[in-house]
């Protein structure tokens, strides 16, 4: 690896880190309106829903979306583990194991 590539990787990492850190630093000193905080409480569920539906549906131009059968089967135990455990680590482990088992068979 050349020095130019190493410096580029380091600078890109710093830009990424600062872009994630700066909003927290600014919001730490500001008082947000309660309606805005209520609005932001919906952001995680909408992101998760978007990711879930993007992976469960197969888009084809000019046709209705079809279900991705393997992903739907893997989502069943994963969602059940999420409802029961409320632990992100368990959700990820169950999802990865479910998908691995379905692809193996």
C-alpha atoms as a PDB file:
ATOM      1  CA  UNK A   1       0.000   0.000   0.000  1.00  0.00           C
ATOM      2  CA  UNK A   2       1.388   3.369  -0.937  1.00  0.00           C
ATOM      3  CA  UNK A   3       1.468   6.370   1.347  1.00  0.00           C
ATOM      4  CA  UNK A   4      -1.160   8.102  -0.788  1.00  0.00           C
ATOM      5  CA  UNK A   5      -3.628   5.234  -0.358  1.00  0.00           C
ATOM      6  CA  UNK A   6      -2.942   5.035   3.383  1.00  0.00           C
ATOM      7  CA  UNK A   7      -3.497   8.759   3.890  1.00  0.00           C
ATOM      8  CA  UNK A   8      -6.678   8.609   1.794  1.00  0.00           C
ATOM      9  CA  UNK A   9      -8.070   5.757   3.910  1.00  0.00           C
ATOM     10  CA  UNK A  10      -7.158   7.587   7.124  1.00  0.00           C
ATOM     11  CA  UNK A  11      -8.758  10.853   5.993  1.00  0.00           C
ATOM     12  CA  UNK A  12     -11.922   9.068   4.822  1.00  0.00           C
ATOM     13  CA  UNK A  13     -12.148   7.385   8.211  1.00  0.00           C
ATOM     14  CA  UNK A  14     -11.781  10.713  10.001  1.00  0.00           C
ATOM     15  CA  UNK A  15     -14.454  12.348   7.846  1.00  0.00           C
ATOM     16  CA  UNK A  16     -16.820   9.461   8.542  1.00  0.00           C
ATOM     17  CA  UNK A  17     -16.103   9.598  12.269  1.00  0.00           C
ATOM     18  CA  UNK A  18     -16.569  13.381  12.486  1.00  0.00           C
ATOM     19  CA  UNK A  19     -19.785  13.272  10.467  1.00  0.00           C
ATOM     20  CA  UNK A  20     -21.221  10.872  13.049  1.00  0.00           C
ATOM     21  CA  UNK A  21     -19.804  12.673  16.055  1.00  0.00           C
ATOM     22  CA  UNK A  22     -20.663  16.298  15.248  1.00  0.00           C
ATOM     23  CA  UNK A  23     -24.472  15.936  15.402  1.00  0.00           C
ATOM     24  CA  UNK A  24     -24.187  14.506  18.914  1.00  0.00           C
ATOM     25  CA  UNK A  25     -21.959  17.350  20.016  1.00  0.00           C
ATOM     26  CA  UNK A  26     -24.348  19.988  18.632  1.00  0.00           C
ATOM     27  CA  UNK A  27     -27.500  18.331  19.973  1.00  0.00           C
ATOM     28  CA  UNK A  28     -25.958  17.916  23.410  1.00  0.00           C
ATOM     29  CA  UNK A  29     -26.041  21.680  23.909  1.00  0.00           C
ATOM     30  CA  UNK A  30     -29.424  22.318  22.254  1.00  0.00           C
ATOM     31  CA  UNK A  31     -32.873  21.712  23.702  1.00  0.00           C
ATOM     32  CA  UNK A  32     -35.136  20.150  21.100  1.00  0.00           C
ATOM     33  CA  UNK A  33     -38.882  20.685  20.978  1.00  0.00           C
ATOM     34  CA  UNK A  34     -40.982  17.831  22.359  1.00  0.00           C
ATOM     35  CA  UNK A  35     -42.865  17.394  19.066  1.00  0.00           C
ATOM     36  CA  UNK A  36     -39.510  16.902  17.297  1.00  0.00           C
ATOM     37  CA  UNK A  37     -38.362  14.334  19.852  1.00  0.00           C
ATOM     38  CA  UNK A  38     -41.678  12.502  19.415  1.00  0.00           C
ATOM     39  CA  UNK A  39     -41.170  12.572  15.646  1.00  0.00           C
ATOM     40  CA  UNK A  40     -37.645  11.145  15.979  1.00  0.00           C
ATOM     41  CA  UNK A  41     -38.946   8.263  18.086  1.00  0.00           C
ATOM     42  CA  UNK A  42     -40.516   6.821  14.911  1.00  0.00           C
ATOM     43  CA  UNK A  43     -37.269   6.828  12.926  1.00  0.00           C
ATOM     44  CA  UNK A  44     -35.869   3.434  14.087  1.00  0.00           C
ATOM     45  CA  UNK A  45     -39.060   1.513  13.317  1.00  0.00           C
ATOM     46  CA  UNK A  46     -39.366   3.078   9.868  1.00  0.00           C
ATOM     47  CA  UNK A  47     -35.763   2.233   9.023  1.00  0.00           C
ATOM     48  CA  UNK A  48     -36.185  -1.348  10.210  1.00  0.00           C
ATOM     49  CA  UNK A  49     -39.446  -1.674   8.255  1.00  0.00           C
ATOM     50  CA  UNK A  50     -37.826  -0.344   5.095  1.00  0.00           C
ATOM     51  CA  UNK A  51     -34.908  -2.774   5.398  1.00  0.00           C
ATOM     52  CA  UNK A  52     -37.243  -5.673   6.177  1.00  0.00           C
ATOM     53  CA  UNK A  53     -39.607  -5.094   3.261  1.00  0.00           C
ATOM     54  CA  UNK A  54     -36.740  -4.431   0.851  1.00  0.00           C
ATOM     55  CA  UNK A  55     -35.347  -7.866   1.655  1.00  0.00           C
ATOM     56  CA  UNK A  56     -38.678  -9.704   1.720  1.00  0.00           C
ATOM     57  CA  UNK A  57     -39.887  -8.480  -1.664  1.00  0.00           C
ATOM     58  CA  UNK A  58     -38.375  -8.955  -5.120  1.00  0.00           C
ATOM     59  CA  UNK A  59     -38.987  -6.019  -7.427  1.00  0.00           C
ATOM     60  CA  UNK A  60     -39.520  -6.616 -11.146  1.00  0.00           C
ATOM     61  CA  UNK A  61     -40.185  -3.809 -13.607  1.00  0.00           C
ATOM     62  CA  UNK A  62     -43.776  -3.758 -14.828  1.00  0.00           C
ATOM     63  CA  UNK A  63     -44.939  -6.400 -12.334  1.00  0.00           C
ATOM     64  CA  UNK A  64     -46.147  -6.600  -8.785  1.00  0.00           C
ATOM     65  CA  UNK A  65     -43.444  -7.436  -6.245  1.00  0.00           C
ATOM     66  CA  UNK A  66     -42.978 -11.107  -5.448  1.00  0.00           C
ATOM     67  CA  UNK A  67     -42.038 -12.586  -2.096  1.00  0.00           C
ATOM     68  CA  UNK A  68     -38.485 -13.731  -1.565  1.00  0.00           C
ATOM     69  CA  UNK A  69     -39.438 -17.094  -0.085  1.00  0.00           C
ATOM     70  CA  UNK A  70     -36.127 -17.911   1.630  1.00  0.00           C
ATOM     71  CA  UNK A  71     -35.901 -14.498   3.289  1.00  0.00           C
ATOM     72  CA  UNK A  72     -39.531 -14.754   4.423  1.00  0.00           C
ATOM     73  CA  UNK A  73     -38.859 -18.138   6.013  1.00  0.00           C
ATOM     74  CA  UNK A  74     -35.750 -16.811   7.768  1.00  0.00           C
ATOM     75  CA  UNK A  75     -37.697 -13.764   8.983  1.00  0.00           C
ATOM     76  CA  UNK A  76     -40.238 -15.865  10.916  1.00  0.00           C
ATOM     77  CA  UNK A  77     -37.902 -17.187  13.658  1.00  0.00           C
ATOM     78  CA  UNK A  78     -35.975 -13.915  13.617  1.00  0.00           C
ATOM     79  CA  UNK A  79     -39.086 -11.832  14.298  1.00  0.00           C
ATOM     80  CA  UNK A  80     -40.193 -14.315  16.944  1.00  0.00           C
ATOM     81  CA  UNK A  81     -36.787 -14.048  18.640  1.00  0.00           C
ATOM     82  CA  UNK A  82     -37.091 -10.269  18.497  1.00  0.00           C
ATOM     83  CA  UNK A  83     -40.496 -10.224  20.134  1.00  0.00           C
ATOM     84  CA  UNK A  84     -39.428 -12.641  22.848  1.00  0.00           C
ATOM     85  CA  UNK A  85     -35.925 -11.402  23.661  1.00  0.00           C
ATOM     86  CA  UNK A  86     -35.866  -7.690  22.719  1.00  0.00           C
ATOM     87  CA  UNK A  87     -32.110  -8.210  22.279  1.00  0.00           C
ATOM     88  CA  UNK A  88     -30.398  -7.074  19.088  1.00  0.00           C
ATOM     89  CA  UNK A  89     -27.632  -9.627  19.549  1.00  0.00           C
ATOM     90  CA  UNK A  90     -30.091 -12.532  19.740  1.00  0.00           C
ATOM     91  CA  UNK A  91     -32.029 -11.192  16.748  1.00  0.00           C
ATOM     92  CA  UNK A  92     -28.873 -11.057  14.633  1.00  0.00           C
ATOM     93  CA  UNK A  93     -27.706 -14.510  15.743  1.00  0.00           C
ATOM     94  CA  UNK A  94     -31.097 -16.134  15.069  1.00  0.00           C
ATOM     95  CA  UNK A  95     -31.346 -14.372  11.698  1.00  0.00           C
ATOM     96  CA  UNK A  96     -27.889 -15.454  10.577  1.00  0.00           C
ATOM     97  CA  UNK A  97     -28.411 -19.046  11.742  1.00  0.00           C
ATOM     98  CA  UNK A  98     -31.860 -19.207  10.106  1.00  0.00           C
ATOM     99  CA  UNK A  99     -30.531 -17.926   6.803  1.00  0.00           C
ATOM    100  CA  UNK A 100     -27.516 -20.248   6.950  1.00  0.00           C
ATOM    101  CA  UNK A 101     -29.694 -23.289   7.604  1.00  0.00           C
ATOM    102  CA  UNK A 102     -32.115 -22.402   4.820  1.00  0.00           C
ATOM    103  CA  UNK A 103     -29.313 -21.881   2.306  1.00  0.00           C
ATOM    104  CA  UNK A 104     -27.599 -25.077   3.395  1.00  0.00           C
ATOM    105  CA  UNK A 105     -30.680 -27.228   2.762  1.00  0.00           C
END
